[in-house]
Amino acid sequence: MRLAVTAAAPPRISRLGPVSGRANRAALEGTAVSGARLASRVGALGRRLARDYRGTEVVVVALLNGSVLFAADLIRHWAGPLKLDFVGVSSYRGGMRSGRLEFTKKLRIDVRGREVLLVDDILDTGRTLKAVRSRLESMGAARVRVCVLLDKEVRREPGIVADYVGFRIPDWFVVGYGLDFEERWRNLPFIGVLRPPREPAGRTLRPAAKP
């Protein structure tokens, strides 16, 4: 079994706080993680990574688009040598989920024989992270560890565990700090919980899980 290697167990979020800003209150149920708490936890993760990888140059691979803010803040607290690259993966074509993952942005950096840290915003089903990790391993990476801001321990496929976790959350649909719904809400400075949208007839819609 692969075990998380964080210094302490990641905080488990179970209650929502109030939403700041009038424009957000109609669409959001509450705040899962405040901006201040985000900054503190991401800083702690970055410093832990710097200690764990001391003396080793790491290739940080961030998944587009959701992890961009998290990855940028994370490496600001990382004093050691690293290289940063991005990979894009999509399971949608023509607005519909195809069930097949397609790499839309490939790596520029050669990872053969390198330590790789794969960074994403949220671990949900784990399907995307498993596919990207497998691709990196097939490209010759010496070792691939996974770092996620949020770990949603539901609908998880077997064989994927994050090595570094910011927060553990229930089955909420979260937005903000890079996470989106239909490309909106990425710019929120906190993690909010989205109210499920409703059809005209009043039926509540549940956004699909992230693959």
N, C-alpha and C. Protein backbone atom coordinates (compact mmCIF):
# COMPACT_ATOMS: atom_id res chain seq x y z
N MET A 1 0.85 -1.20 0.00
CA MET A 1 0.00 0.00 0.00
C MET A 1 0.88 1.24 0.00
N ARG A 2 0.54 2.23 -0.82
CA ARG A 2 1.25 3.50 -0.83
C ARG A 2 0.66 4.41 0.24
N LEU A 3 1.51 4.98 1.05
CA LEU A 3 1.05 5.82 2.14
C LEU A 3 1.38 7.27 1.86
N ALA A 4 0.52 8.17 2.32
CA ALA A 4 0.80 9.59 2.21
C ALA A 4 2.05 9.91 3.03
N VAL A 5 2.86 10.82 2.51
CA VAL A 5 4.12 11.11 3.19
C VAL A 5 4.15 12.53 3.74
N THR A 6 2.99 13.11 3.94
CA THR A 6 2.93 14.44 4.53
C THR A 6 3.33 14.37 6.00
N ALA A 7 3.74 15.52 6.54
CA ALA A 7 4.23 15.56 7.92
C ALA A 7 3.12 15.19 8.90
N ALA A 8 1.91 15.57 8.60
CA ALA A 8 0.77 15.27 9.46
C ALA A 8 -0.42 14.96 8.57
N ALA A 9 -1.43 14.34 9.16
CA ALA A 9 -2.62 14.02 8.37
C ALA A 9 -3.24 15.30 7.81
N PRO A 10 -3.64 15.30 6.53
CA PRO A 10 -4.25 16.50 5.95
C PRO A 10 -5.52 16.87 6.70
N PRO A 11 -5.78 18.16 6.85
CA PRO A 11 -7.03 18.58 7.50
C PRO A 11 -8.24 18.03 6.75
N ARG A 12 -9.22 17.56 7.50
CA ARG A 12 -10.45 17.06 6.90
C ARG A 12 -11.53 18.14 7.06
N ILE A 13 -12.05 18.60 5.94
CA ILE A 13 -13.05 19.66 5.95
C ILE A 13 -14.44 19.03 6.02
N SER A 14 -15.25 19.44 6.99
CA SER A 14 -16.58 18.86 7.12
C SER A 14 -17.68 19.90 7.26
N ARG A 15 -17.32 21.15 7.52
CA ARG A 15 -18.32 22.21 7.69
C ARG A 15 -18.02 23.37 6.75
N LEU A 16 -19.07 24.05 6.36
CA LEU A 16 -18.94 25.19 5.47
C LEU A 16 -18.97 26.49 6.26
N GLY A 17 -18.16 27.44 5.84
CA GLY A 17 -18.20 28.77 6.40
C GLY A 17 -19.04 29.69 5.52
N PRO A 18 -19.24 30.93 5.94
CA PRO A 18 -20.02 31.88 5.15
C PRO A 18 -19.28 32.27 3.87
N VAL A 19 -20.05 32.72 2.89
CA VAL A 19 -19.49 33.16 1.62
C VAL A 19 -19.30 34.67 1.66
N SER A 20 -18.12 35.14 1.28
CA SER A 20 -17.87 36.57 1.24
C SER A 20 -18.20 37.12 -0.13
N GLY A 21 -18.82 38.27 -0.18
CA GLY A 21 -19.15 38.91 -1.46
C GLY A 21 -20.58 38.62 -1.88
N ARG A 22 -21.35 39.67 -2.11
CA ARG A 22 -22.76 39.49 -2.47
C ARG A 22 -22.94 38.72 -3.76
N ALA A 23 -22.04 38.94 -4.72
CA ALA A 23 -22.20 38.31 -6.03
C ALA A 23 -22.08 36.80 -5.95
N ASN A 24 -21.42 36.28 -4.92
CA ASN A 24 -21.20 34.85 -4.82
C ASN A 24 -22.30 34.12 -4.06
N ARG A 25 -23.05 34.84 -3.25
CA ARG A 25 -23.95 34.17 -2.31
C ARG A 25 -25.09 33.43 -2.99
N ALA A 26 -25.55 33.92 -4.13
CA ALA A 26 -26.67 33.27 -4.80
C ALA A 26 -26.27 31.92 -5.38
N ALA A 27 -25.00 31.76 -5.76
CA ALA A 27 -24.56 30.55 -6.45
C ALA A 27 -23.84 29.56 -5.54
N LEU A 28 -23.34 30.02 -4.42
CA LEU A 28 -22.53 29.17 -3.56
C LEU A 28 -23.23 28.86 -2.25
N GLU A 29 -23.09 27.62 -1.82
CA GLU A 29 -23.66 27.20 -0.54
C GLU A 29 -22.81 27.67 0.63
N GLY A 30 -21.54 27.78 0.43
CA GLY A 30 -20.67 28.20 1.52
C GLY A 30 -19.21 28.10 1.13
N THR A 31 -18.34 28.39 2.08
CA THR A 31 -16.90 28.34 1.87
C THR A 31 -16.34 27.07 2.51
N ALA A 32 -15.65 26.27 1.71
CA ALA A 32 -15.02 25.07 2.23
C ALA A 32 -13.67 25.38 2.84
N VAL A 33 -12.86 26.18 2.14
CA VAL A 33 -11.53 26.55 2.62
C VAL A 33 -11.32 28.03 2.35
N SER A 34 -11.05 28.79 3.38
CA SER A 34 -10.83 30.23 3.22
C SER A 34 -9.50 30.51 2.53
N GLY A 35 -9.36 31.72 2.02
CA GLY A 35 -8.11 32.11 1.39
C GLY A 35 -6.93 32.03 2.34
N ALA A 36 -7.13 32.45 3.58
CA ALA A 36 -6.05 32.41 4.57
C ALA A 36 -5.63 30.98 4.87
N ARG A 37 -6.61 30.09 4.99
CA ARG A 37 -6.28 28.70 5.28
C ARG A 37 -5.60 28.04 4.08
N LEU A 38 -6.02 28.40 2.87
CA LEU A 38 -5.36 27.91 1.67
C LEU A 38 -3.89 28.29 1.67
N ALA A 39 -3.63 29.58 1.90
CA ALA A 39 -2.25 30.08 1.86
C ALA A 39 -1.38 29.36 2.88
N SER A 40 -1.91 29.14 4.08
CA SER A 40 -1.15 28.48 5.13
C SER A 40 -0.83 27.04 4.77
N ARG A 41 -1.82 26.31 4.28
CA ARG A 41 -1.63 24.89 3.98
C ARG A 41 -0.73 24.69 2.76
N VAL A 42 -0.93 25.50 1.72
CA VAL A 42 -0.10 25.36 0.52
C VAL A 42 1.35 25.69 0.85
N GLY A 43 1.55 26.71 1.68
CA GLY A 43 2.91 27.03 2.11
C GLY A 43 3.56 25.88 2.86
N ALA A 44 2.80 25.24 3.74
CA ALA A 44 3.33 24.10 4.49
C ALA A 44 3.68 22.94 3.57
N LEU A 45 2.83 22.69 2.56
CA LEU A 45 3.10 21.62 1.60
C LEU A 45 4.38 21.92 0.81
N GLY A 46 4.52 23.16 0.36
CA GLY A 46 5.70 23.52 -0.41
C GLY A 46 6.98 23.34 0.39
N ARG A 47 6.95 23.74 1.64
CA ARG A 47 8.14 23.58 2.49
C ARG A 47 8.43 22.12 2.76
N ARG A 48 7.38 21.31 2.91
CA ARG A 48 7.58 19.87 3.12
C ARG A 48 8.21 19.23 1.88
N LEU A 49 7.75 19.64 0.70
CA LEU A 49 8.32 19.12 -0.54
C LEU A 49 9.80 19.49 -0.65
N ALA A 50 10.13 20.72 -0.29
CA ALA A 50 11.53 21.15 -0.34
C ALA A 50 12.40 20.28 0.56
N ARG A 51 11.87 19.90 1.72
CA ARG A 51 12.63 19.03 2.63
C ARG A 51 12.74 17.61 2.07
N ASP A 52 11.63 17.08 1.58
CA ASP A 52 11.63 15.70 1.10
C ASP A 52 12.52 15.51 -0.13
N TYR A 53 12.60 16.53 -0.97
CA TYR A 53 13.39 16.43 -2.20
C TYR A 53 14.72 17.18 -2.08
N ARG A 54 15.17 17.43 -0.89
CA ARG A 54 16.41 18.20 -0.69
C ARG A 54 17.56 17.58 -1.49
N GLY A 55 18.24 18.42 -2.28
CA GLY A 55 19.39 17.95 -3.05
C GLY A 55 19.04 17.28 -4.36
N THR A 56 17.74 17.20 -4.70
CA THR A 56 17.30 16.53 -5.93
C THR A 56 16.54 17.52 -6.80
N GLU A 57 16.90 17.58 -8.07
CA GLU A 57 16.13 18.41 -8.99
C GLU A 57 14.89 17.64 -9.43
N VAL A 58 13.74 18.24 -9.26
CA VAL A 58 12.45 17.58 -9.52
C VAL A 58 11.79 18.22 -10.73
N VAL A 59 11.12 17.39 -11.54
CA VAL A 59 10.26 17.90 -12.60
C VAL A 59 8.84 17.94 -12.05
N VAL A 60 8.30 19.14 -11.89
CA VAL A 60 6.93 19.31 -11.44
C VAL A 60 6.03 19.37 -12.67
N VAL A 61 5.08 18.45 -12.75
CA VAL A 61 4.15 18.38 -13.88
C VAL A 61 2.76 18.73 -13.37
N ALA A 62 2.24 19.86 -13.80
CA ALA A 62 0.92 20.33 -13.36
C ALA A 62 -0.11 20.07 -14.44
N LEU A 63 -1.29 19.62 -14.04
CA LEU A 63 -2.37 19.35 -14.98
C LEU A 63 -3.15 20.63 -15.26
N LEU A 64 -3.33 20.92 -16.54
CA LEU A 64 -4.13 22.06 -16.96
C LEU A 64 -5.61 21.70 -16.91
N ASN A 65 -6.50 22.67 -16.60
CA ASN A 65 -6.17 24.04 -16.25
C ASN A 65 -6.28 24.25 -14.73
N GLY A 66 -6.92 23.31 -14.06
CA GLY A 66 -7.32 23.54 -12.68
C GLY A 66 -6.20 23.70 -11.68
N SER A 67 -5.04 23.10 -11.95
CA SER A 67 -3.97 23.12 -10.94
C SER A 67 -3.01 24.29 -11.08
N VAL A 68 -3.25 25.19 -12.04
CA VAL A 68 -2.27 26.24 -12.33
C VAL A 68 -2.01 27.13 -11.10
N LEU A 69 -3.07 27.60 -10.45
CA LEU A 69 -2.89 28.48 -9.29
C LEU A 69 -2.22 27.73 -8.14
N PHE A 70 -2.67 26.52 -7.89
CA PHE A 70 -2.09 25.71 -6.82
C PHE A 70 -0.61 25.44 -7.08
N ALA A 71 -0.27 25.03 -8.29
CA ALA A 71 1.12 24.73 -8.61
C ALA A 71 2.00 25.96 -8.48
N ALA A 72 1.50 27.10 -8.95
CA ALA A 72 2.29 28.34 -8.88
C ALA A 72 2.58 28.73 -7.44
N ASP A 73 1.56 28.65 -6.57
CA ASP A 73 1.77 29.00 -5.17
C ASP A 73 2.65 27.97 -4.46
N LEU A 74 2.48 26.70 -4.83
CA LEU A 74 3.24 25.62 -4.20
C LEU A 74 4.74 25.80 -4.42
N ILE A 75 5.14 26.06 -5.66
CA ILE A 75 6.58 26.12 -5.93
C ILE A 75 7.21 27.40 -5.40
N ARG A 76 6.40 28.42 -5.09
CA ARG A 76 6.97 29.63 -4.48
C ARG A 76 7.55 29.35 -3.10
N HIS A 77 7.06 28.29 -2.46
CA HIS A 77 7.55 27.93 -1.12
C HIS A 77 8.59 26.81 -1.19
N TRP A 78 9.01 26.46 -2.39
CA TRP A 78 9.92 25.34 -2.61
C TRP A 78 11.30 25.92 -2.91
N ALA A 79 12.22 25.80 -1.98
CA ALA A 79 13.53 26.43 -2.13
C ALA A 79 14.48 25.61 -2.99
N GLY A 80 14.18 24.35 -3.25
CA GLY A 80 15.09 23.48 -3.97
C GLY A 80 15.00 23.64 -5.48
N PRO A 81 15.90 22.97 -6.21
CA PRO A 81 15.91 23.04 -7.68
C PRO A 81 14.74 22.26 -8.28
N LEU A 82 14.10 22.84 -9.27
CA LEU A 82 13.00 22.15 -9.94
C LEU A 82 12.82 22.70 -11.35
N LYS A 83 12.12 21.93 -12.16
CA LYS A 83 11.66 22.37 -13.47
C LYS A 83 10.15 22.20 -13.50
N LEU A 84 9.47 23.09 -14.21
CA LEU A 84 8.00 23.08 -14.24
C LEU A 84 7.52 22.89 -15.67
N ASP A 85 6.59 21.96 -15.84
CA ASP A 85 5.95 21.76 -17.14
C ASP A 85 4.48 21.46 -16.90
N PHE A 86 3.72 21.49 -17.98
CA PHE A 86 2.27 21.30 -17.90
C PHE A 86 1.82 20.23 -18.88
N VAL A 87 0.77 19.53 -18.51
CA VAL A 87 0.16 18.55 -19.40
C VAL A 87 -1.34 18.79 -19.40
N GLY A 88 -1.96 18.65 -20.56
CA GLY A 88 -3.41 18.80 -20.69
C GLY A 88 -4.06 17.49 -21.05
N VAL A 89 -5.14 17.16 -20.38
CA VAL A 89 -5.87 15.92 -20.63
C VAL A 89 -7.35 16.24 -20.68
N SER A 90 -8.05 15.66 -21.65
CA SER A 90 -9.49 15.90 -21.77
C SER A 90 -10.21 14.59 -22.05
N SER A 91 -11.41 14.47 -21.48
CA SER A 91 -12.26 13.33 -21.79
C SER A 91 -13.51 13.78 -22.53
N TYR A 92 -13.47 15.00 -23.05
CA TYR A 92 -14.62 15.57 -23.73
C TYR A 92 -14.30 15.81 -25.20
N ARG A 93 -15.29 15.62 -26.04
CA ARG A 93 -15.16 15.94 -27.45
C ARG A 93 -16.51 16.41 -27.95
N GLY A 94 -16.53 17.58 -28.53
CA GLY A 94 -17.80 18.12 -29.02
C GLY A 94 -18.80 18.37 -27.92
N GLY A 95 -18.28 18.69 -26.71
CA GLY A 95 -19.17 19.00 -25.60
C GLY A 95 -19.69 17.79 -24.86
N MET A 96 -19.32 16.59 -25.31
CA MET A 96 -19.81 15.37 -24.68
C MET A 96 -18.62 14.59 -24.11
N ARG A 97 -18.84 13.92 -22.98
CA ARG A 97 -17.79 13.09 -22.42
C ARG A 97 -17.64 11.84 -23.28
N SER A 98 -16.42 11.59 -23.76
CA SER A 98 -16.19 10.48 -24.67
C SER A 98 -15.85 9.18 -23.95
N GLY A 99 -15.40 9.28 -22.69
CA GLY A 99 -14.96 8.09 -21.98
C GLY A 99 -13.52 7.73 -22.28
N ARG A 100 -12.92 8.42 -23.23
CA ARG A 100 -11.53 8.16 -23.60
C ARG A 100 -10.71 9.41 -23.35
N LEU A 101 -9.60 9.25 -22.62
CA LEU A 101 -8.77 10.40 -22.29
C LEU A 101 -7.87 10.75 -23.47
N GLU A 102 -7.81 12.04 -23.76
CA GLU A 102 -6.98 12.53 -24.86
C GLU A 102 -6.00 13.56 -24.30
N PHE A 103 -4.73 13.40 -24.64
CA PHE A 103 -3.70 14.35 -24.20
C PHE A 103 -3.70 15.54 -25.14
N THR A 104 -4.10 16.70 -24.62
CA THR A 104 -4.22 17.90 -25.43
C THR A 104 -3.00 18.80 -25.34
N LYS A 105 -2.16 18.59 -24.35
CA LYS A 105 -0.92 19.34 -24.19
C LYS A 105 0.13 18.38 -23.66
N LYS A 106 1.19 18.18 -24.45
CA LYS A 106 2.21 17.22 -24.09
C LYS A 106 3.40 17.91 -23.43
N LEU A 107 4.17 17.11 -22.70
CA LEU A 107 5.34 17.63 -22.00
C LEU A 107 6.43 18.07 -22.97
N ARG A 108 7.15 19.11 -22.58
CA ARG A 108 8.33 19.54 -23.32
C ARG A 108 9.61 19.02 -22.67
N ILE A 109 9.55 18.73 -21.39
CA ILE A 109 10.74 18.32 -20.63
C ILE A 109 10.88 16.80 -20.67
N ASP A 110 12.09 16.34 -20.88
CA ASP A 110 12.40 14.91 -20.86
C ASP A 110 12.45 14.44 -19.41
N VAL A 111 11.60 13.46 -19.07
CA VAL A 111 11.52 13.00 -17.68
C VAL A 111 12.29 11.70 -17.45
N ARG A 112 13.00 11.22 -18.45
CA ARG A 112 13.72 9.95 -18.29
C ARG A 112 14.73 10.03 -17.15
N GLY A 113 14.59 9.09 -16.21
CA GLY A 113 15.49 9.02 -15.08
C GLY A 113 15.30 10.12 -14.04
N ARG A 114 14.21 10.88 -14.14
CA ARG A 114 14.00 12.03 -13.26
C ARG A 114 12.95 11.73 -12.19
N GLU A 115 13.08 12.45 -11.08
CA GLU A 115 12.03 12.47 -10.07
C GLU A 115 10.93 13.41 -10.56
N VAL A 116 9.69 12.93 -10.55
CA VAL A 116 8.57 13.72 -11.05
C VAL A 116 7.52 13.88 -9.96
N LEU A 117 7.02 15.10 -9.80
CA LEU A 117 5.89 15.36 -8.91
C LEU A 117 4.72 15.79 -9.78
N LEU A 118 3.66 14.99 -9.79
CA LEU A 118 2.46 15.27 -10.56
C LEU A 118 1.48 16.04 -9.68
N VAL A 119 1.09 17.24 -10.13
CA VAL A 119 0.28 18.14 -9.32
C VAL A 119 -1.09 18.34 -9.97
N ASP A 120 -2.15 18.19 -9.17
CA ASP A 120 -3.50 18.45 -9.67
C ASP A 120 -4.32 19.14 -8.59
N ASP A 121 -5.44 19.72 -9.02
CA ASP A 121 -6.29 20.44 -8.07
C ASP A 121 -7.07 19.51 -7.16
N ILE A 122 -7.61 18.43 -7.73
CA ILE A 122 -8.48 17.56 -6.94
C ILE A 122 -8.36 16.11 -7.40
N LEU A 123 -8.34 15.21 -6.44
CA LEU A 123 -8.37 13.78 -6.71
C LEU A 123 -9.79 13.30 -6.45
N ASP A 124 -10.48 12.95 -7.55
CA ASP A 124 -11.88 12.55 -7.46
C ASP A 124 -11.95 11.06 -7.79
N THR A 125 -12.32 10.70 -9.01
CA THR A 125 -12.30 9.28 -9.39
C THR A 125 -10.88 8.76 -9.51
N GLY A 126 -9.95 9.64 -9.85
CA GLY A 126 -8.56 9.24 -10.00
C GLY A 126 -8.19 8.75 -11.38
N ARG A 127 -9.16 8.70 -12.28
CA ARG A 127 -8.90 8.14 -13.61
C ARG A 127 -7.86 8.95 -14.39
N THR A 128 -7.99 10.27 -14.36
CA THR A 128 -7.05 11.12 -15.09
C THR A 128 -5.65 11.01 -14.50
N LEU A 129 -5.53 11.11 -13.19
CA LEU A 129 -4.22 11.04 -12.56
C LEU A 129 -3.55 9.68 -12.80
N LYS A 130 -4.32 8.61 -12.78
CA LYS A 130 -3.76 7.29 -13.07
C LYS A 130 -3.20 7.25 -14.48
N ALA A 131 -3.94 7.81 -15.43
CA ALA A 131 -3.51 7.78 -16.83
C ALA A 131 -2.24 8.60 -17.03
N VAL A 132 -2.20 9.79 -16.41
CA VAL A 132 -1.02 10.65 -16.57
C VAL A 132 0.18 10.03 -15.86
N ARG A 133 -0.03 9.50 -14.67
CA ARG A 133 1.08 8.85 -13.97
C ARG A 133 1.64 7.68 -14.79
N SER A 134 0.74 6.89 -15.37
CA SER A 134 1.17 5.77 -16.20
C SER A 134 1.96 6.26 -17.41
N ARG A 135 1.50 7.36 -18.01
CA ARG A 135 2.22 7.91 -19.17
C ARG A 135 3.62 8.38 -18.77
N LEU A 136 3.73 9.04 -17.63
CA LEU A 136 5.04 9.51 -17.17
C LEU A 136 5.98 8.34 -16.88
N GLU A 137 5.44 7.30 -16.28
CA GLU A 137 6.25 6.11 -16.00
C GLU A 137 6.71 5.45 -17.29
N SER A 138 5.82 5.41 -18.29
CA SER A 138 6.19 4.81 -19.57
C SER A 138 7.23 5.65 -20.31
N MET A 139 7.31 6.93 -19.97
CA MET A 139 8.31 7.82 -20.57
C MET A 139 9.66 7.72 -19.86
N GLY A 140 9.73 6.88 -18.83
CA GLY A 140 11.00 6.60 -18.18
C GLY A 140 11.28 7.35 -16.90
N ALA A 141 10.26 8.00 -16.32
CA ALA A 141 10.47 8.70 -15.05
C ALA A 141 10.95 7.71 -13.99
N ALA A 142 11.92 8.15 -13.18
CA ALA A 142 12.46 7.27 -12.14
C ALA A 142 11.42 6.99 -11.07
N ARG A 143 10.66 8.02 -10.70
CA ARG A 143 9.60 7.87 -9.71
C ARG A 143 8.61 9.01 -9.91
N VAL A 144 7.33 8.68 -9.78
CA VAL A 144 6.28 9.69 -9.91
C VAL A 144 5.48 9.71 -8.61
N ARG A 145 5.50 10.86 -7.93
CA ARG A 145 4.64 11.06 -6.78
C ARG A 145 3.51 12.01 -7.17
N VAL A 146 2.43 11.96 -6.40
CA VAL A 146 1.23 12.74 -6.71
C VAL A 146 0.94 13.70 -5.57
N CYS A 147 0.70 14.97 -5.92
CA CYS A 147 0.34 16.00 -4.95
C CYS A 147 -0.95 16.65 -5.40
N VAL A 148 -1.97 16.64 -4.53
CA VAL A 148 -3.25 17.25 -4.86
C VAL A 148 -3.65 18.23 -3.78
N LEU A 149 -4.35 19.28 -4.19
CA LEU A 149 -4.86 20.23 -3.22
C LEU A 149 -5.99 19.62 -2.41
N LEU A 150 -6.92 18.95 -3.10
CA LEU A 150 -8.11 18.39 -2.46
C LEU A 150 -8.22 16.90 -2.77
N ASP A 151 -8.58 16.12 -1.77
CA ASP A 151 -8.79 14.69 -1.93
C ASP A 151 -10.23 14.38 -1.57
N LYS A 152 -11.01 14.03 -2.59
CA LYS A 152 -12.42 13.68 -2.38
C LYS A 152 -12.51 12.15 -2.41
N GLU A 153 -12.66 11.54 -1.26
CA GLU A 153 -12.54 10.09 -1.16
C GLU A 153 -13.86 9.39 -1.49
N VAL A 154 -14.34 9.62 -2.70
CA VAL A 154 -15.55 8.95 -3.18
C VAL A 154 -15.33 8.56 -4.63
N ARG A 155 -16.03 7.54 -5.07
CA ARG A 155 -15.99 7.09 -6.47
C ARG A 155 -14.56 6.82 -6.94
N ARG A 156 -13.67 6.46 -6.02
CA ARG A 156 -12.26 6.31 -6.36
C ARG A 156 -12.00 5.01 -7.09
N GLU A 157 -11.28 5.08 -8.21
CA GLU A 157 -10.81 3.89 -8.87
C GLU A 157 -9.65 3.30 -8.06
N PRO A 158 -9.50 1.98 -8.07
CA PRO A 158 -8.38 1.39 -7.34
C PRO A 158 -7.05 1.75 -8.00
N GLY A 159 -5.99 1.78 -7.19
CA GLY A 159 -4.66 1.96 -7.74
C GLY A 159 -4.15 3.37 -7.80
N ILE A 160 -4.84 4.32 -7.16
CA ILE A 160 -4.35 5.70 -7.15
C ILE A 160 -4.52 6.29 -5.75
N VAL A 161 -3.42 6.72 -5.17
CA VAL A 161 -3.41 7.36 -3.86
C VAL A 161 -2.47 8.56 -3.95
N ALA A 162 -2.89 9.70 -3.43
CA ALA A 162 -2.03 10.88 -3.44
C ALA A 162 -0.98 10.77 -2.35
N ASP A 163 0.25 11.13 -2.68
CA ASP A 163 1.33 11.12 -1.71
C ASP A 163 1.32 12.37 -0.84
N TYR A 164 0.87 13.48 -1.40
CA TYR A 164 0.77 14.75 -0.68
C TYR A 164 -0.63 15.31 -0.88
N VAL A 165 -1.28 15.68 0.20
CA VAL A 165 -2.68 16.15 0.15
C VAL A 165 -2.81 17.44 0.93
N GLY A 166 -3.50 18.41 0.33
CA GLY A 166 -3.79 19.65 1.04
C GLY A 166 -4.91 19.48 2.04
N PHE A 167 -6.10 19.13 1.54
CA PHE A 167 -7.28 18.95 2.39
C PHE A 167 -8.08 17.75 1.90
N ARG A 168 -8.72 17.05 2.83
CA ARG A 168 -9.68 16.00 2.47
C ARG A 168 -11.08 16.58 2.62
N ILE A 169 -11.93 16.34 1.60
CA ILE A 169 -13.27 16.93 1.60
C ILE A 169 -14.32 15.87 1.33
N PRO A 170 -15.57 16.14 1.76
CA PRO A 170 -16.68 15.24 1.41
C PRO A 170 -17.02 15.36 -0.08
N ASP A 171 -18.12 14.75 -0.46
CA ASP A 171 -18.55 14.75 -1.86
C ASP A 171 -19.25 16.07 -2.18
N TRP A 172 -18.50 17.15 -2.15
CA TRP A 172 -19.01 18.47 -2.52
C TRP A 172 -18.52 18.81 -3.92
N PHE A 173 -19.29 19.64 -4.63
CA PHE A 173 -18.81 20.17 -5.90
C PHE A 173 -18.18 21.52 -5.62
N VAL A 174 -16.86 21.58 -5.71
CA VAL A 174 -16.12 22.75 -5.27
C VAL A 174 -15.60 23.56 -6.45
N VAL A 175 -15.52 24.87 -6.22
CA VAL A 175 -15.01 25.79 -7.24
C VAL A 175 -14.10 26.82 -6.56
N GLY A 176 -13.32 27.50 -7.38
CA GLY A 176 -12.43 28.53 -6.86
C GLY A 176 -10.99 28.07 -6.78
N TYR A 177 -10.07 29.03 -6.75
CA TYR A 177 -8.64 28.74 -6.67
C TYR A 177 -8.22 27.78 -7.79
N GLY A 178 -8.75 28.02 -8.97
CA GLY A 178 -8.43 27.21 -10.14
C GLY A 178 -9.48 26.21 -10.53
N LEU A 179 -10.32 25.79 -9.58
CA LEU A 179 -11.38 24.83 -9.89
C LEU A 179 -12.56 25.57 -10.52
N ASP A 180 -13.20 24.92 -11.50
CA ASP A 180 -14.25 25.61 -12.23
C ASP A 180 -15.51 24.77 -12.36
N PHE A 181 -16.58 25.44 -12.78
CA PHE A 181 -17.77 24.78 -13.32
C PHE A 181 -18.09 25.49 -14.62
N GLU A 182 -17.97 24.75 -15.73
CA GLU A 182 -18.18 25.32 -17.06
C GLU A 182 -17.31 26.57 -17.26
N GLU A 183 -16.06 26.47 -16.82
CA GLU A 183 -15.03 27.50 -16.97
C GLU A 183 -15.29 28.77 -16.15
N ARG A 184 -16.20 28.73 -15.21
CA ARG A 184 -16.44 29.86 -14.32
C ARG A 184 -15.92 29.53 -12.92
N TRP A 185 -15.71 30.57 -12.13
CA TRP A 185 -15.37 30.50 -10.71
C TRP A 185 -13.90 30.19 -10.44
N ARG A 186 -13.08 30.01 -11.46
CA ARG A 186 -11.67 29.70 -11.21
C ARG A 186 -10.96 30.78 -10.40
N ASN A 187 -11.40 32.03 -10.56
CA ASN A 187 -10.68 33.16 -9.97
C ASN A 187 -11.09 33.47 -8.54
N LEU A 188 -11.99 32.69 -7.94
CA LEU A 188 -12.31 32.92 -6.53
C LEU A 188 -11.06 32.72 -5.68
N PRO A 189 -10.81 33.58 -4.70
CA PRO A 189 -9.61 33.45 -3.86
C PRO A 189 -9.78 32.44 -2.72
N PHE A 190 -10.84 31.67 -2.74
CA PHE A 190 -11.11 30.65 -1.72
C PHE A 190 -11.75 29.45 -2.42
N ILE A 191 -11.95 28.36 -1.68
CA ILE A 191 -12.65 27.19 -2.21
C ILE A 191 -14.10 27.26 -1.75
N GLY A 192 -15.01 27.41 -2.69
CA GLY A 192 -16.43 27.47 -2.38
C GLY A 192 -17.15 26.21 -2.83
N VAL A 193 -18.32 25.99 -2.27
CA VAL A 193 -19.16 24.85 -2.65
C VAL A 193 -20.32 25.37 -3.47
N LEU A 194 -20.44 24.87 -4.68
CA LEU A 194 -21.43 25.36 -5.63
C LEU A 194 -22.80 24.76 -5.34
N ARG A 195 -23.84 25.61 -5.40
CA ARG A 195 -25.20 25.09 -5.34
C ARG A 195 -25.48 24.34 -6.63
N PRO A 196 -26.04 23.14 -6.57
CA PRO A 196 -26.37 22.42 -7.80
C PRO A 196 -27.33 23.24 -8.65
N PRO A 197 -27.05 23.41 -9.96
CA PRO A 197 -27.97 24.16 -10.82
C PRO A 197 -29.28 23.42 -11.00
N ARG A 198 -30.32 24.16 -11.36
CA ARG A 198 -31.65 23.57 -11.55
C ARG A 198 -32.13 23.78 -12.98
N GLU A 199 -32.83 22.77 -13.49
CA GLU A 199 -33.50 22.90 -14.77
C GLU A 199 -34.74 23.78 -14.59
N PRO A 200 -35.32 24.28 -15.69
CA PRO A 200 -36.54 25.10 -15.57
C PRO A 200 -37.65 24.41 -14.79
N ALA A 201 -37.74 23.09 -14.89
CA ALA A 201 -38.79 22.37 -14.18
C ALA A 201 -38.51 22.25 -12.69
N GLY A 202 -37.32 22.65 -12.29
CA GLY A 202 -36.99 22.63 -10.87
C GLY A 202 -36.17 21.45 -10.43
N ARG A 203 -35.83 20.54 -11.38
CA ARG A 203 -35.04 19.37 -10.99
C ARG A 203 -33.59 19.78 -10.77
N THR A 204 -33.02 19.33 -9.66
CA THR A 204 -31.63 19.66 -9.35
C THR A 204 -30.69 18.81 -10.19
N LEU A 205 -29.70 19.46 -10.78
CA LEU A 205 -28.69 18.78 -11.57
C LEU A 205 -27.42 18.64 -10.75
N ARG A 206 -26.79 17.50 -10.82
CA ARG A 206 -25.51 17.31 -10.16
C ARG A 206 -24.40 17.37 -11.19
N PRO A 207 -23.44 18.28 -11.02
CA PRO A 207 -22.32 18.31 -11.95
C PRO A 207 -21.58 16.98 -11.94
N ALA A 208 -21.07 16.59 -13.10
CA ALA A 208 -20.37 15.32 -13.21
C ALA A 208 -19.08 15.33 -12.41
N ALA A 209 -18.70 14.15 -11.93
CA ALA A 209 -17.43 14.02 -11.22
C ALA A 209 -16.27 14.25 -12.17
N LYS A 210 -15.18 14.76 -11.64
CA LYS A 210 -13.98 14.91 -12.45
C LYS A 210 -13.38 13.54 -12.68
N PRO A 211 -13.04 13.20 -13.93
CA PRO A 211 -12.46 11.88 -14.17
C PRO A 211 -11.09 11.73 -13.53
